[in-house]
């Protein structure tokens, strides 16, 4: 069996860990510094820090279905980990690490601040004027843009040599199973 490059797994884990840590630290700051309703202007009219507890997804959509969003986030996290462990591309590993950290960062909020079954609210505090988000959302956006760019540029998800060796190994094992029967 072809071994996954350890470097790609390390990139995935490191990017995810750093991004998740940044997300959680900034949310703790927002909870302590902005809980009294205070708002900090960063760029007048464009950017401020304001604490909002968001039960929904992006732009508050799906607020009545928080548990569904939580379950979808769990599924997304599992799928992203599987993809992160399968890629042989450092660029894909980094993008998937960002996606995993973003999805997990918001899921941690939904579980940590739940009043019932997976109906917690996400800590949002970066107010863009038209939307309020958090660092996890920034990493999800970076991942989305990165993945689209890699698809447009035809960046391979896995080396052809590892794909062909995996497919030849599965063919060989199928042939061996057929001989045994």
Protein backbone atom coordinates (compact mmCIF):
# COMPACT_ATOMS: atom_id res chain seq x y z
CA UNK A 1 0.00 0.00 0.00
CA UNK A 2 1.29 3.47 -0.87
CA UNK A 3 2.04 5.56 2.20
CA UNK A 4 0.59 9.03 2.45
CA UNK A 5 3.28 11.64 2.68
CA UNK A 6 3.69 12.44 6.36
CA UNK A 7 4.36 16.02 5.43
CA UNK A 8 0.84 16.43 4.00
CA UNK A 9 -0.72 15.01 7.16
CA UNK A 10 1.51 17.30 9.23
CA UNK A 11 0.43 20.31 7.15
CA UNK A 12 -3.24 19.40 7.61
CA UNK A 13 -2.87 18.92 11.38
CA UNK A 14 -0.72 22.02 11.95
CA UNK A 15 -2.92 24.35 9.89
CA UNK A 16 -6.05 22.98 11.56
CA UNK A 17 -4.57 23.25 15.06
CA UNK A 18 -3.29 26.82 14.62
CA UNK A 19 -6.52 28.00 12.97
CA UNK A 20 -8.70 26.35 15.62
CA UNK A 21 -6.58 27.83 18.41
CA UNK A 22 -6.82 31.33 16.88
CA UNK A 23 -10.58 30.94 16.53
CA UNK A 24 -11.12 29.80 20.10
CA UNK A 25 -8.78 32.41 21.63
CA UNK A 26 -10.48 35.25 19.76
CA UNK A 27 -13.92 33.99 20.79
CA UNK A 28 -12.83 33.87 24.44
CA UNK A 29 -11.58 37.44 24.07
CA UNK A 30 -14.90 38.52 22.52
CA UNK A 31 -16.89 36.88 25.31
CA UNK A 32 -14.85 38.65 27.98
CA UNK A 33 -14.37 42.05 26.31
CA UNK A 34 -17.72 42.50 24.57
CA UNK A 35 -20.25 40.75 26.86
CA UNK A 36 -21.41 44.03 28.38
CA UNK A 37 -22.73 45.19 25.01
CA UNK A 38 -19.66 47.28 24.28
CA UNK A 39 -18.56 47.64 20.67
CA UNK A 40 -15.07 48.57 19.45
CA UNK A 41 -14.69 50.45 16.18
CA UNK A 42 -11.69 49.33 14.18
CA UNK A 43 -12.33 51.09 10.85
CA UNK A 44 -15.12 53.65 11.14
CA UNK A 45 -18.15 52.51 9.14
CA UNK A 46 -16.44 49.35 7.87
CA UNK A 47 -15.28 47.16 10.73
CA UNK A 48 -16.02 46.86 14.41
CA UNK A 49 -16.08 44.22 17.12
CA UNK A 50 -19.59 43.53 18.44
CA UNK A 51 -20.67 40.35 20.25
CA UNK A 52 -23.52 38.45 18.62
CA UNK A 53 -24.75 34.95 19.48
CA UNK A 54 -25.79 33.40 16.16
CA UNK A 55 -28.06 30.32 16.29
CA UNK A 56 -28.06 29.95 12.50
CA UNK A 57 -25.59 29.57 9.71
CA UNK A 58 -24.16 32.37 7.57
CA UNK A 59 -26.15 35.60 7.89
CA UNK A 60 -28.35 33.93 10.52
CA UNK A 61 -29.98 31.59 7.99
CA UNK A 62 -31.51 28.44 9.44
CA UNK A 63 -31.84 29.82 12.98
CA UNK A 64 -34.72 27.45 13.69
CA UNK A 65 -32.71 24.41 12.60
CA UNK A 66 -29.59 24.74 14.73
CA UNK A 67 -29.42 21.02 15.49
CA UNK A 68 -29.48 20.23 11.74
CA UNK A 69 -26.63 22.68 11.16
CA UNK A 70 -24.72 20.97 14.01
CA UNK A 71 -25.23 17.49 12.54
CA UNK A 72 -24.16 18.72 9.08
CA UNK A 73 -21.05 20.29 10.64
CA UNK A 74 -20.19 16.94 12.29
CA UNK A 75 -20.54 15.13 8.97
CA UNK A 76 -18.47 17.83 7.24
CA UNK A 77 -15.71 17.48 9.86
CA UNK A 78 -15.50 13.71 9.30
CA UNK A 79 -15.45 14.08 5.51
CA UNK A 80 -12.79 16.81 5.69
CA UNK A 81 -10.56 14.66 7.94
CA UNK A 82 -10.87 11.72 5.53
CA UNK A 83 -9.98 13.97 2.59
CA UNK A 84 -7.15 15.57 4.57
CA UNK A 85 -5.64 12.17 5.24
CA UNK A 86 -6.00 11.07 1.61
CA UNK A 87 -4.43 14.01 -0.18
CA UNK A 88 -0.83 13.96 -1.29
CA UNK A 89 -0.85 17.70 -2.00
CA UNK A 90 0.40 20.16 0.62
CA UNK A 91 -1.81 22.90 -0.85
CA UNK A 92 -4.92 20.72 -0.58
CA UNK A 93 -3.87 19.67 2.93
CA UNK A 94 -3.58 23.34 3.98
CA UNK A 95 -6.97 24.25 2.49
CA UNK A 96 -8.63 21.25 4.09
CA UNK A 97 -6.97 22.12 7.42
CA UNK A 98 -8.53 25.59 7.21
CA UNK A 99 -11.94 24.10 6.36
CA UNK A 100 -11.73 21.61 9.22
CA UNK A 101 -10.76 24.28 11.75
CA UNK A 102 -13.59 26.55 10.60
CA UNK A 103 -16.22 23.84 10.73
CA UNK A 104 -14.98 22.47 14.06
CA UNK A 105 -14.57 25.94 15.60
CA UNK A 106 -18.22 26.80 15.02
CA UNK A 107 -19.33 23.29 16.02
CA UNK A 108 -17.48 23.65 19.34
CA UNK A 109 -19.61 26.74 20.00
CA UNK A 110 -22.85 24.96 19.08
CA UNK A 111 -22.03 22.16 21.52
CA UNK A 112 -20.46 24.29 24.28
CA UNK A 113 -23.21 26.90 24.38
CA UNK A 114 -26.17 24.58 23.81
CA UNK A 115 -29.40 24.99 25.76
CA UNK A 116 -30.66 21.63 24.50
CA UNK A 117 -29.74 19.02 21.90
CA UNK A 118 -27.10 20.69 19.66
CA UNK A 119 -28.92 24.02 19.64
CA UNK A 120 -26.09 26.24 20.83
CA UNK A 121 -25.19 29.57 19.35
CA UNK A 122 -21.98 30.51 17.58
CA UNK A 123 -19.94 33.37 19.01
CA UNK A 124 -19.69 35.99 16.27
CA UNK A 125 -17.97 39.32 16.85
CA UNK A 126 -16.32 40.65 13.68
CA UNK A 127 -18.88 43.16 12.42
CA UNK A 128 -18.41 44.02 8.74
CA UNK A 129 -21.47 46.26 8.70
CA UNK A 130 -23.49 43.88 6.54
CA UNK A 131 -22.65 40.70 8.45
CA UNK A 132 -21.10 39.59 11.74
CA UNK A 133 -18.75 36.61 11.76
CA UNK A 134 -15.74 35.12 13.51
CA UNK A 135 -12.27 33.76 12.81
CA UNK A 136 -13.69 30.30 11.98
CA UNK A 137 -15.74 31.92 9.21
CA UNK A 138 -12.60 33.59 7.87
CA UNK A 139 -10.83 30.21 7.68
CA UNK A 140 -13.86 28.64 5.98
CA UNK A 141 -13.77 31.44 3.40
CA UNK A 142 -10.02 31.02 2.87
CA UNK A 143 -10.56 27.27 2.39
CA UNK A 144 -13.41 27.80 -0.06
CA UNK A 145 -11.49 30.30 -2.16
CA UNK A 146 -8.36 28.12 -2.04
CA UNK A 147 -10.25 25.03 -3.15
CA UNK A 148 -11.94 26.87 -6.03
CA UNK A 149 -8.58 28.29 -7.16
CA UNK A 150 -6.93 24.84 -6.98
CA UNK A 151 -9.76 23.32 -9.02
CA UNK A 152 -9.49 26.10 -11.63
CA UNK A 153 -5.71 25.68 -11.77
CA UNK A 154 -6.02 21.88 -11.96
CA UNK A 155 -3.91 21.32 -8.84
CA UNK A 156 -3.99 17.55 -8.32
CA UNK A 157 -5.55 16.29 -5.09
CA UNK A 158 -3.25 13.28 -5.12
CA UNK A 159 -0.16 12.33 -7.09
CA UNK A 160 -0.92 10.15 -10.06
CA UNK A 161 1.73 7.70 -8.89
CA UNK A 162 -0.04 7.15 -5.56
CA UNK A 163 -3.44 6.92 -7.25
CA UNK A 164 -2.19 4.41 -9.81
CA UNK A 165 -0.37 2.35 -7.19
CA UNK A 166 -3.53 2.28 -5.05
CA UNK A 167 -5.69 1.24 -7.99
CA UNK A 168 -3.16 -1.41 -9.07
CA UNK A 169 -3.02 -2.70 -5.49
CA UNK A 170 -6.80 -2.93 -5.31
CA UNK A 171 -6.80 -4.72 -8.69
CA UNK A 172 -4.10 -7.11 -7.45
CA UNK A 173 -5.99 -7.81 -4.22
CA UNK A 174 -9.21 -8.40 -6.20
CA UNK A 175 -7.35 -10.83 -8.47
CA UNK A 176 -5.86 -12.60 -5.45
CA UNK A 177 -9.30 -12.89 -3.83
CA UNK A 178 -10.63 -14.39 -7.08
CA UNK A 179 -7.80 -16.99 -7.10
CA UNK A 180 -8.46 -17.94 -3.47
CA UNK A 181 -12.13 -18.62 -4.13
